[in-house]
């Protein structure tokens, strides 16, 4: 039955990613926390395991996404090259920081992050600044480091952070989204490797894991989300964009609120 829940989680994350244009990390992490809790995994490793597994699944979905955007010429590879090393360094550092944070506190941090992202989706829009020149390579590298660190801690591909930065940096929205999709690969790859590495000496992990990455969860969620993302993308062309944005914001409010309240012991 555990595998069925993984597939359901992956399908839901895939539809959400295709429908709302945001990576599934903020959906996958709360759902995995609920699943691992229901199956009585050790409480102290649940949040770390959910983040590491989420990052591993984003490796697969980001490859699919960046391939699609690249076919349409939507990726500014020179910007990606300036940010990529920073993204990798930041993601590895973020995994190390997360490893040092107690599981319940990490859950609270992720809940707050989801609530902040929900507020952004509901009340703020990304502003393009296409007339301005790109910032220096050092600024792009620094932004990549910060984005990679935060994304690794939260178990996300970083699109909610990368797109606003690229808009501010002077890229039009379509190129911002496409380049952000490409940036999700080094974030997820380095973050997943980091969580697998830092979790290798943890003694109370359940069977079937490599560090903080649950292998069957990774496989089931990756396959289901990859398949169902196309369904979400088709729906995105039918339903009103503003309604989709608000629906996703409300979804994050529920998920973030539940994680926050659970982390502080109210639920």
C-alpha atoms as a PDB file:
ATOM      1  CA  UNK A   1       0.000   0.000   0.000  1.00  0.00           C
ATOM      2  CA  UNK A   2       2.954   2.309   0.605  1.00  0.00           C
ATOM      3  CA  UNK A   3       3.822   2.177  -3.095  1.00  0.00           C
ATOM      4  CA  UNK A   4       0.244   3.119  -4.013  1.00  0.00           C
ATOM      5  CA  UNK A   5       0.518   6.238  -1.858  1.00  0.00           C
ATOM      6  CA  UNK A   6       3.815   7.116  -3.544  1.00  0.00           C
ATOM      7  CA  UNK A   7       2.172   6.817  -6.968  1.00  0.00           C
ATOM      8  CA  UNK A   8      -0.790   8.941  -5.866  1.00  0.00           C
ATOM      9  CA  UNK A   9       1.607  11.561  -4.468  1.00  0.00           C
ATOM     10  CA  UNK A  10       3.600  11.572  -7.702  1.00  0.00           C
ATOM     11  CA  UNK A  11       0.491  11.876  -9.854  1.00  0.00           C
ATOM     12  CA  UNK A  12      -0.794  14.761  -7.751  1.00  0.00           C
ATOM     13  CA  UNK A  13       2.592  16.508  -7.848  1.00  0.00           C
ATOM     14  CA  UNK A  14       2.873  15.980 -11.600  1.00  0.00           C
ATOM     15  CA  UNK A  15      -0.567  17.436 -12.310  1.00  0.00           C
ATOM     16  CA  UNK A  16       0.197  20.362 -10.002  1.00  0.00           C
ATOM     17  CA  UNK A  17       3.554  21.008 -11.675  1.00  0.00           C
ATOM     18  CA  UNK A  18       2.028  21.000 -15.146  1.00  0.00           C
ATOM     19  CA  UNK A  19      -1.046  22.916 -14.069  1.00  0.00           C
ATOM     20  CA  UNK A  20       0.563  25.660 -11.991  1.00  0.00           C
ATOM     21  CA  UNK A  21       3.949  25.941 -13.704  1.00  0.00           C
ATOM     22  CA  UNK A  22       5.840  25.363 -10.450  1.00  0.00           C
ATOM     23  CA  UNK A  23       7.994  22.369  -9.550  1.00  0.00           C
ATOM     24  CA  UNK A  24       6.340  19.739  -7.393  1.00  0.00           C
ATOM     25  CA  UNK A  25       8.725  20.016  -4.434  1.00  0.00           C
ATOM     26  CA  UNK A  26       6.410  22.077  -2.269  1.00  0.00           C
ATOM     27  CA  UNK A  27       3.719  19.464  -2.886  1.00  0.00           C
ATOM     28  CA  UNK A  28       5.897  16.365  -2.582  1.00  0.00           C
ATOM     29  CA  UNK A  29       7.592  17.309   0.702  1.00  0.00           C
ATOM     30  CA  UNK A  30       4.382  17.793   2.762  1.00  0.00           C
ATOM     31  CA  UNK A  31       2.779  14.696   1.224  1.00  0.00           C
ATOM     32  CA  UNK A  32       5.837  12.569   2.000  1.00  0.00           C
ATOM     33  CA  UNK A  33       5.890  13.885   5.558  1.00  0.00           C
ATOM     34  CA  UNK A  34       2.269  12.731   5.934  1.00  0.00           C
ATOM     35  CA  UNK A  35       2.967   9.324   4.327  1.00  0.00           C
ATOM     36  CA  UNK A  36       6.107   8.634   6.364  1.00  0.00           C
ATOM     37  CA  UNK A  37       4.317   9.691   9.545  1.00  0.00           C
ATOM     38  CA  UNK A  38       1.337   7.425   8.801  1.00  0.00           C
ATOM     39  CA  UNK A  39       3.710   4.479   8.307  1.00  0.00           C
ATOM     40  CA  UNK A  40       5.448   5.168  11.631  1.00  0.00           C
ATOM     41  CA  UNK A  41       8.867   6.056  10.275  1.00  0.00           C
ATOM     42  CA  UNK A  42      11.189   7.402  13.018  1.00  0.00           C
ATOM     43  CA  UNK A  43      10.007  11.002  13.641  1.00  0.00           C
ATOM     44  CA  UNK A  44      13.514  12.440  13.754  1.00  0.00           C
ATOM     45  CA  UNK A  45      14.280  11.412  10.126  1.00  0.00           C
ATOM     46  CA  UNK A  46      10.887  11.981   8.468  1.00  0.00           C
ATOM     47  CA  UNK A  47      11.406  15.567   7.310  1.00  0.00           C
ATOM     48  CA  UNK A  48      14.968  14.996   6.083  1.00  0.00           C
ATOM     49  CA  UNK A  49      13.836  11.866   4.221  1.00  0.00           C
ATOM     50  CA  UNK A  50      10.974  13.776   2.596  1.00  0.00           C
ATOM     51  CA  UNK A  51      13.301  16.555   1.405  1.00  0.00           C
ATOM     52  CA  UNK A  52      15.995  14.231   0.067  1.00  0.00           C
ATOM     53  CA  UNK A  53      13.460  12.083  -1.782  1.00  0.00           C
ATOM     54  CA  UNK A  54      11.736  15.175  -3.191  1.00  0.00           C
ATOM     55  CA  UNK A  55      15.020  16.534  -4.573  1.00  0.00           C
ATOM     56  CA  UNK A  56      15.782  13.177  -6.199  1.00  0.00           C
ATOM     57  CA  UNK A  57      12.422  13.197  -8.012  1.00  0.00           C
ATOM     58  CA  UNK A  58      12.999  16.766  -9.219  1.00  0.00           C
ATOM     59  CA  UNK A  59      16.117  15.568 -11.072  1.00  0.00           C
ATOM     60  CA  UNK A  60      13.842  13.568 -13.376  1.00  0.00           C
ATOM     61  CA  UNK A  61      11.138  16.204 -13.827  1.00  0.00           C
ATOM     62  CA  UNK A  62      13.656  19.011 -14.395  1.00  0.00           C
ATOM     63  CA  UNK A  63      15.299  17.078 -17.242  1.00  0.00           C
ATOM     64  CA  UNK A  64      11.907  16.728 -18.915  1.00  0.00           C
ATOM     65  CA  UNK A  65      11.068  20.385 -18.339  1.00  0.00           C
ATOM     66  CA  UNK A  66      14.370  21.859 -19.528  1.00  0.00           C
ATOM     67  CA  UNK A  67      14.278  19.689 -22.666  1.00  0.00           C
ATOM     68  CA  UNK A  68      10.855  21.058 -23.567  1.00  0.00           C
ATOM     69  CA  UNK A  69      11.906  24.670 -22.918  1.00  0.00           C
ATOM     70  CA  UNK A  70      15.170  24.259 -24.835  1.00  0.00           C
ATOM     71  CA  UNK A  71      13.305  23.077 -27.942  1.00  0.00           C
ATOM     72  CA  UNK A  72      11.449  26.408 -27.883  1.00  0.00           C
ATOM     73  CA  UNK A  73      14.614  28.433 -27.388  1.00  0.00           C
ATOM     74  CA  UNK A  74      13.516  29.451 -23.901  1.00  0.00           C
ATOM     75  CA  UNK A  75      16.798  28.890 -22.029  1.00  0.00           C
ATOM     76  CA  UNK A  76      19.528  31.522 -21.746  1.00  0.00           C
ATOM     77  CA  UNK A  77      22.457  29.162 -21.362  1.00  0.00           C
ATOM     78  CA  UNK A  78      24.995  31.922 -20.716  1.00  0.00           C
ATOM     79  CA  UNK A  79      23.006  32.938 -17.628  1.00  0.00           C
ATOM     80  CA  UNK A  80      22.702  29.286 -16.590  1.00  0.00           C
ATOM     81  CA  UNK A  81      26.483  28.835 -16.854  1.00  0.00           C
ATOM     82  CA  UNK A  82      27.077  31.826 -14.569  1.00  0.00           C
ATOM     83  CA  UNK A  83      24.621  30.503 -11.981  1.00  0.00           C
ATOM     84  CA  UNK A  84      25.239  26.740 -12.192  1.00  0.00           C
ATOM     85  CA  UNK A  85      28.348  26.462  -9.992  1.00  0.00           C
ATOM     86  CA  UNK A  86      26.723  28.658  -7.359  1.00  0.00           C
ATOM     87  CA  UNK A  87      23.596  26.515  -7.498  1.00  0.00           C
ATOM     88  CA  UNK A  88      25.643  23.349  -6.908  1.00  0.00           C
ATOM     89  CA  UNK A  89      27.692  24.859  -4.077  1.00  0.00           C
ATOM     90  CA  UNK A  90      24.611  26.353  -2.438  1.00  0.00           C
ATOM     91  CA  UNK A  91      22.661  23.104  -2.711  1.00  0.00           C
ATOM     92  CA  UNK A  92      25.440  21.083  -1.078  1.00  0.00           C
ATOM     93  CA  UNK A  93      25.813  23.653   1.701  1.00  0.00           C
ATOM     94  CA  UNK A  94      22.025  23.687   2.155  1.00  0.00           C
ATOM     95  CA  UNK A  95      21.953  19.904   2.515  1.00  0.00           C
ATOM     96  CA  UNK A  96      24.659  20.148   5.169  1.00  0.00           C
ATOM     97  CA  UNK A  97      22.748  22.866   7.040  1.00  0.00           C
ATOM     98  CA  UNK A  98      19.507  20.846   6.893  1.00  0.00           C
ATOM     99  CA  UNK A  99      21.367  17.820   8.269  1.00  0.00           C
ATOM    100  CA  UNK A 100      22.266  19.844  11.361  1.00  0.00           C
ATOM    101  CA  UNK A 101      18.684  21.020  11.994  1.00  0.00           C
ATOM    102  CA  UNK A 102      16.420  18.868  14.173  1.00  0.00           C
ATOM    103  CA  UNK A 103      13.566  17.283  12.206  1.00  0.00           C
ATOM    104  CA  UNK A 104      10.685  19.084  13.939  1.00  0.00           C
ATOM    105  CA  UNK A 105      12.347  22.485  13.546  1.00  0.00           C
ATOM    106  CA  UNK A 106      13.055  21.732   9.876  1.00  0.00           C
ATOM    107  CA  UNK A 107       9.375  20.931   9.413  1.00  0.00           C
ATOM    108  CA  UNK A 108       8.447  24.309  10.923  1.00  0.00           C
ATOM    109  CA  UNK A 109      10.894  26.083   8.591  1.00  0.00           C
ATOM    110  CA  UNK A 110       9.418  24.342   5.530  1.00  0.00           C
ATOM    111  CA  UNK A 111       5.886  25.173   6.691  1.00  0.00           C
ATOM    112  CA  UNK A 112       6.793  28.855   6.975  1.00  0.00           C
ATOM    113  CA  UNK A 113       8.425  28.711   3.534  1.00  0.00           C
ATOM    114  CA  UNK A 114       5.272  27.214   2.008  1.00  0.00           C
ATOM    115  CA  UNK A 115       3.124  29.909   3.624  1.00  0.00           C
ATOM    116  CA  UNK A 116       5.384  32.668   2.291  1.00  0.00           C
ATOM    117  CA  UNK A 117       5.257  31.144  -1.179  1.00  0.00           C
ATOM    118  CA  UNK A 118       1.468  30.939  -0.908  1.00  0.00           C
ATOM    119  CA  UNK A 119       1.273  34.654  -0.092  1.00  0.00           C
ATOM    120  CA  UNK A 120       3.492  35.407  -3.079  1.00  0.00           C
ATOM    121  CA  UNK A 121       1.262  33.340  -5.387  1.00  0.00           C
ATOM    122  CA  UNK A 122      -1.897  34.969  -4.054  1.00  0.00           C
ATOM    123  CA  UNK A 123      -0.890  38.616  -3.806  1.00  0.00           C
ATOM    124  CA  UNK A 124       2.319  39.305  -5.776  1.00  0.00           C
ATOM    125  CA  UNK A 125       3.335  38.865  -9.407  1.00  0.00           C
ATOM    126  CA  UNK A 126       6.781  38.679 -10.985  1.00  0.00           C
ATOM    127  CA  UNK A 127       7.774  41.963 -12.589  1.00  0.00           C
ATOM    128  CA  UNK A 128       9.768  41.971 -15.814  1.00  0.00           C
ATOM    129  CA  UNK A 129      12.629  44.446 -16.296  1.00  0.00           C
ATOM    130  CA  UNK A 130      13.534  43.684 -19.895  1.00  0.00           C
ATOM    131  CA  UNK A 131      15.119  47.079 -20.583  1.00  0.00           C
ATOM    132  CA  UNK A 132      17.947  46.693 -18.073  1.00  0.00           C
ATOM    133  CA  UNK A 133      21.298  44.978 -18.802  1.00  0.00           C
ATOM    134  CA  UNK A 134      22.132  41.687 -17.144  1.00  0.00           C
ATOM    135  CA  UNK A 135      23.948  41.976 -13.803  1.00  0.00           C
ATOM    136  CA  UNK A 136      27.652  40.942 -13.645  1.00  0.00           C
ATOM    137  CA  UNK A 137      28.531  37.256 -13.624  1.00  0.00           C
ATOM    138  CA  UNK A 138      29.547  37.553  -9.956  1.00  0.00           C
ATOM    139  CA  UNK A 139      26.030  38.685  -9.028  1.00  0.00           C
ATOM    140  CA  UNK A 140      24.523  35.805 -11.000  1.00  0.00           C
ATOM    141  CA  UNK A 141      26.881  33.370  -9.247  1.00  0.00           C
ATOM    142  CA  UNK A 142      25.982  34.813  -5.832  1.00  0.00           C
ATOM    143  CA  UNK A 143      22.271  34.605  -6.576  1.00  0.00           C
ATOM    144  CA  UNK A 144      22.724  30.988  -7.670  1.00  0.00           C
ATOM    145  CA  UNK A 145      24.471  30.164  -4.401  1.00  0.00           C
ATOM    146  CA  UNK A 146      21.693  31.654  -2.289  1.00  0.00           C
ATOM    147  CA  UNK A 147      18.923  30.108  -4.387  1.00  0.00           C
ATOM    148  CA  UNK A 148      20.617  26.690  -4.316  1.00  0.00           C
ATOM    149  CA  UNK A 149      21.029  26.805  -0.535  1.00  0.00           C
ATOM    150  CA  UNK A 150      17.404  27.758   0.151  1.00  0.00           C
ATOM    151  CA  UNK A 151      16.047  25.298  -2.420  1.00  0.00           C
ATOM    152  CA  UNK A 152      18.025  22.398  -0.964  1.00  0.00           C
ATOM    153  CA  UNK A 153      16.789  23.135   2.550  1.00  0.00           C
ATOM    154  CA  UNK A 154      13.167  23.284   1.361  1.00  0.00           C
ATOM    155  CA  UNK A 155      13.440  20.336  -1.052  1.00  0.00           C
ATOM    156  CA  UNK A 156      12.318  22.324  -4.108  1.00  0.00           C
ATOM    157  CA  UNK A 157      13.661  23.001  -7.584  1.00  0.00           C
ATOM    158  CA  UNK A 158      13.938  26.715  -6.874  1.00  0.00           C
ATOM    159  CA  UNK A 159      11.620  28.080  -9.566  1.00  0.00           C
ATOM    160  CA  UNK A 160       9.746  30.300  -7.112  1.00  0.00           C
ATOM    161  CA  UNK A 161      13.084  31.971  -6.302  1.00  0.00           C
ATOM    162  CA  UNK A 162      14.876  31.790  -9.655  1.00  0.00           C
ATOM    163  CA  UNK A 163      12.084  33.227 -11.831  1.00  0.00           C
ATOM    164  CA  UNK A 164      11.754  36.480  -9.818  1.00  0.00           C
ATOM    165  CA  UNK A 165      15.554  36.933  -9.844  1.00  0.00           C
ATOM    166  CA  UNK A 166      15.779  36.384 -13.604  1.00  0.00           C
ATOM    167  CA  UNK A 167      12.880  38.791 -14.169  1.00  0.00           C
ATOM    168  CA  UNK A 168      14.711  41.369 -12.097  1.00  0.00           C
ATOM    169  CA  UNK A 169      17.940  40.613 -13.990  1.00  0.00           C
ATOM    170  CA  UNK A 170      16.321  41.582 -17.284  1.00  0.00           C
ATOM    171  CA  UNK A 171      15.036  38.359 -18.838  1.00  0.00           C
ATOM    172  CA  UNK A 172      11.497  38.263 -20.270  1.00  0.00           C
ATOM    173  CA  UNK A 173       9.079  35.901 -18.558  1.00  0.00           C
ATOM    174  CA  UNK A 174       9.326  33.024 -21.042  1.00  0.00           C
ATOM    175  CA  UNK A 175      13.126  32.988 -20.861  1.00  0.00           C
ATOM    176  CA  UNK A 176      12.987  33.351 -17.074  1.00  0.00           C
ATOM    177  CA  UNK A 177      10.765  30.290 -16.767  1.00  0.00           C
ATOM    178  CA  UNK A 178      12.853  28.263 -19.231  1.00  0.00           C
ATOM    179  CA  UNK A 179      16.186  29.201 -17.657  1.00  0.00           C
ATOM    180  CA  UNK A 180      14.733  28.518 -14.215  1.00  0.00           C
ATOM    181  CA  UNK A 181      13.731  25.037 -15.375  1.00  0.00           C
ATOM    182  CA  UNK A 182      17.349  24.411 -16.424  1.00  0.00           C
ATOM    183  CA  UNK A 183      18.588  25.739 -13.074  1.00  0.00           C
ATOM    184  CA  UNK A 184      16.419  23.175 -11.292  1.00  0.00           C
ATOM    185  CA  UNK A 185      18.668  20.315 -12.484  1.00  0.00           C
ATOM    186  CA  UNK A 186      21.924  21.284 -10.680  1.00  0.00           C
ATOM    187  CA  UNK A 187      19.896  22.258  -7.600  1.00  0.00           C
ATOM    188  CA  UNK A 188      18.093  18.919  -7.422  1.00  0.00           C
ATOM    189  CA  UNK A 189      21.098  16.812  -8.404  1.00  0.00           C
ATOM    190  CA  UNK A 190      23.499  18.398  -5.905  1.00  0.00           C
ATOM    191  CA  UNK A 191      20.828  18.548  -3.207  1.00  0.00           C
ATOM    192  CA  UNK A 192      19.864  14.885  -3.609  1.00  0.00           C
ATOM    193  CA  UNK A 193      23.524  13.818  -3.549  1.00  0.00           C
ATOM    194  CA  UNK A 194      24.037  15.955  -0.450  1.00  0.00           C
ATOM    195  CA  UNK A 195      21.089  14.463   1.410  1.00  0.00           C
ATOM    196  CA  UNK A 196      22.144  10.948   0.384  1.00  0.00           C
ATOM    197  CA  UNK A 197      25.689  11.645   1.635  1.00  0.00           C
ATOM    198  CA  UNK A 198      24.852  13.372   4.920  1.00  0.00           C
ATOM    199  CA  UNK A 199      22.278  10.709   5.792  1.00  0.00           C
ATOM    200  CA  UNK A 200      24.484   7.681   5.172  1.00  0.00           C
ATOM    201  CA  UNK A 201      25.580   7.336   8.822  1.00  0.00           C
ATOM    202  CA  UNK A 202      22.086   7.765  10.317  1.00  0.00           C
ATOM    203  CA  UNK A 203      21.295   4.491  12.081  1.00  0.00           C
ATOM    204  CA  UNK A 204      17.478   4.620  12.390  1.00  0.00           C
ATOM    205  CA  UNK A 205      16.573   5.077   8.735  1.00  0.00           C
ATOM    206  CA  UNK A 206      14.020   2.592   7.318  1.00  0.00           C
ATOM    207  CA  UNK A 207      15.050  -0.080   4.831  1.00  0.00           C
ATOM    208  CA  UNK A 208      15.332   0.801   1.155  1.00  0.00           C
ATOM    209  CA  UNK A 209      17.052   4.154   1.544  1.00  0.00           C
ATOM    210  CA  UNK A 210      20.342   5.667   0.446  1.00  0.00           C
ATOM    211  CA  UNK A 211      20.992   8.251   3.110  1.00  0.00           C
ATOM    212  CA  UNK A 212      17.978  10.542   3.193  1.00  0.00           C
ATOM    213  CA  UNK A 213      16.628   9.329  -0.185  1.00  0.00           C
ATOM    214  CA  UNK A 214      13.855   6.703  -0.167  1.00  0.00           C
ATOM    215  CA  UNK A 215      14.531   4.668  -3.322  1.00  0.00           C
ATOM    216  CA  UNK A 216      11.069   3.178  -3.985  1.00  0.00           C
ATOM    217  CA  UNK A 217       9.483   6.530  -3.175  1.00  0.00           C
ATOM    218  CA  UNK A 218      11.818   8.224  -5.643  1.00  0.00           C
ATOM    219  CA  UNK A 219      11.036   5.711  -8.406  1.00  0.00           C
ATOM    220  CA  UNK A 220       7.248   5.663  -7.951  1.00  0.00           C
ATOM    221  CA  UNK A 221       6.898   9.432  -7.613  1.00  0.00           C
ATOM    222  CA  UNK A 222       9.217  10.143 -10.562  1.00  0.00           C
ATOM    223  CA  UNK A 223       7.340   7.866 -12.957  1.00  0.00           C
ATOM    224  CA  UNK A 224       3.891   9.083 -11.876  1.00  0.00           C
ATOM    225  CA  UNK A 225       4.776  12.779 -11.848  1.00  0.00           C
ATOM    226  CA  UNK A 226       6.522  12.555 -15.222  1.00  0.00           C
ATOM    227  CA  UNK A 227       3.427  10.970 -16.784  1.00  0.00           C
ATOM    228  CA  UNK A 228       0.832  13.215 -15.143  1.00  0.00           C
ATOM    229  CA  UNK A 229       2.639  16.524 -15.765  1.00  0.00           C
ATOM    230  CA  UNK A 230       1.339  16.387 -19.345  1.00  0.00           C
ATOM    231  CA  UNK A 231      -2.233  16.187 -18.040  1.00  0.00           C
ATOM    232  CA  UNK A 232      -1.668  19.242 -15.872  1.00  0.00           C
ATOM    233  CA  UNK A 233      -0.123  21.145 -18.786  1.00  0.00           C
ATOM    234  CA  UNK A 234      -3.184  20.455 -20.956  1.00  0.00           C
ATOM    235  CA  UNK A 235      -5.503  21.652 -18.194  1.00  0.00           C
ATOM    236  CA  UNK A 236      -3.394  24.807 -17.814  1.00  0.00           C
ATOM    237  CA  UNK A 237      -4.341  25.825 -21.370  1.00  0.00           C
ATOM    238  CA  UNK A 238      -8.045  25.401 -20.614  1.00  0.00           C
ATOM    239  CA  UNK A 239      -8.456  26.966 -17.170  1.00  0.00           C
ATOM    240  CA  UNK A 240      -7.989  30.714 -16.416  1.00  0.00           C
ATOM    241  CA  UNK A 241      -4.433  31.604 -15.356  1.00  0.00           C
ATOM    242  CA  UNK A 242      -5.478  33.783 -12.401  1.00  0.00           C
ATOM    243  CA  UNK A 243      -7.719  31.043 -11.040  1.00  0.00           C
ATOM    244  CA  UNK A 244      -4.849  28.551 -11.311  1.00  0.00           C
ATOM    245  CA  UNK A 245      -2.460  30.858  -9.481  1.00  0.00           C
ATOM    246  CA  UNK A 246      -4.915  31.434  -6.639  1.00  0.00           C
ATOM    247  CA  UNK A 247      -5.788  27.746  -6.412  1.00  0.00           C
ATOM    248  CA  UNK A 248      -2.122  26.852  -6.031  1.00  0.00           C
ATOM    249  CA  UNK A 249      -1.692  29.585  -3.433  1.00  0.00           C
ATOM    250  CA  UNK A 250      -4.571  28.153  -1.406  1.00  0.00           C
ATOM    251  CA  UNK A 251      -3.105  24.661  -1.745  1.00  0.00           C
ATOM    252  CA  UNK A 252       0.206  25.897  -0.350  1.00  0.00           C
ATOM    253  CA  UNK A 253      -1.612  27.675   2.490  1.00  0.00           C
ATOM    254  CA  UNK A 254      -3.175  24.380   3.548  1.00  0.00           C
ATOM    255  CA  UNK A 255       0.049  22.369   3.181  1.00  0.00           C
ATOM    256  CA  UNK A 256       2.237  24.988   4.845  1.00  0.00           C
ATOM    257  CA  UNK A 257      -0.211  25.580   7.662  1.00  0.00           C
ATOM    258  CA  UNK A 258      -0.477  21.876   8.398  1.00  0.00           C
ATOM    259  CA  UNK A 259       3.308  21.433   8.465  1.00  0.00           C
ATOM    260  CA  UNK A 260       3.769  24.470  10.708  1.00  0.00           C
ATOM    261  CA  UNK A 261       1.076  23.458  13.185  1.00  0.00           C
ATOM    262  CA  UNK A 262       2.274  19.861  13.204  1.00  0.00           C
ATOM    263  CA  UNK A 263       5.858  20.970  13.734  1.00  0.00           C
ATOM    264  CA  UNK A 264       5.001  23.062  16.778  1.00  0.00           C
ATOM    265  CA  UNK A 265       2.873  20.271  18.203  1.00  0.00           C
ATOM    266  CA  UNK A 266      -0.644  21.660  17.697  1.00  0.00           C
ATOM    267  CA  UNK A 267      -1.657  18.902  15.258  1.00  0.00           C
END
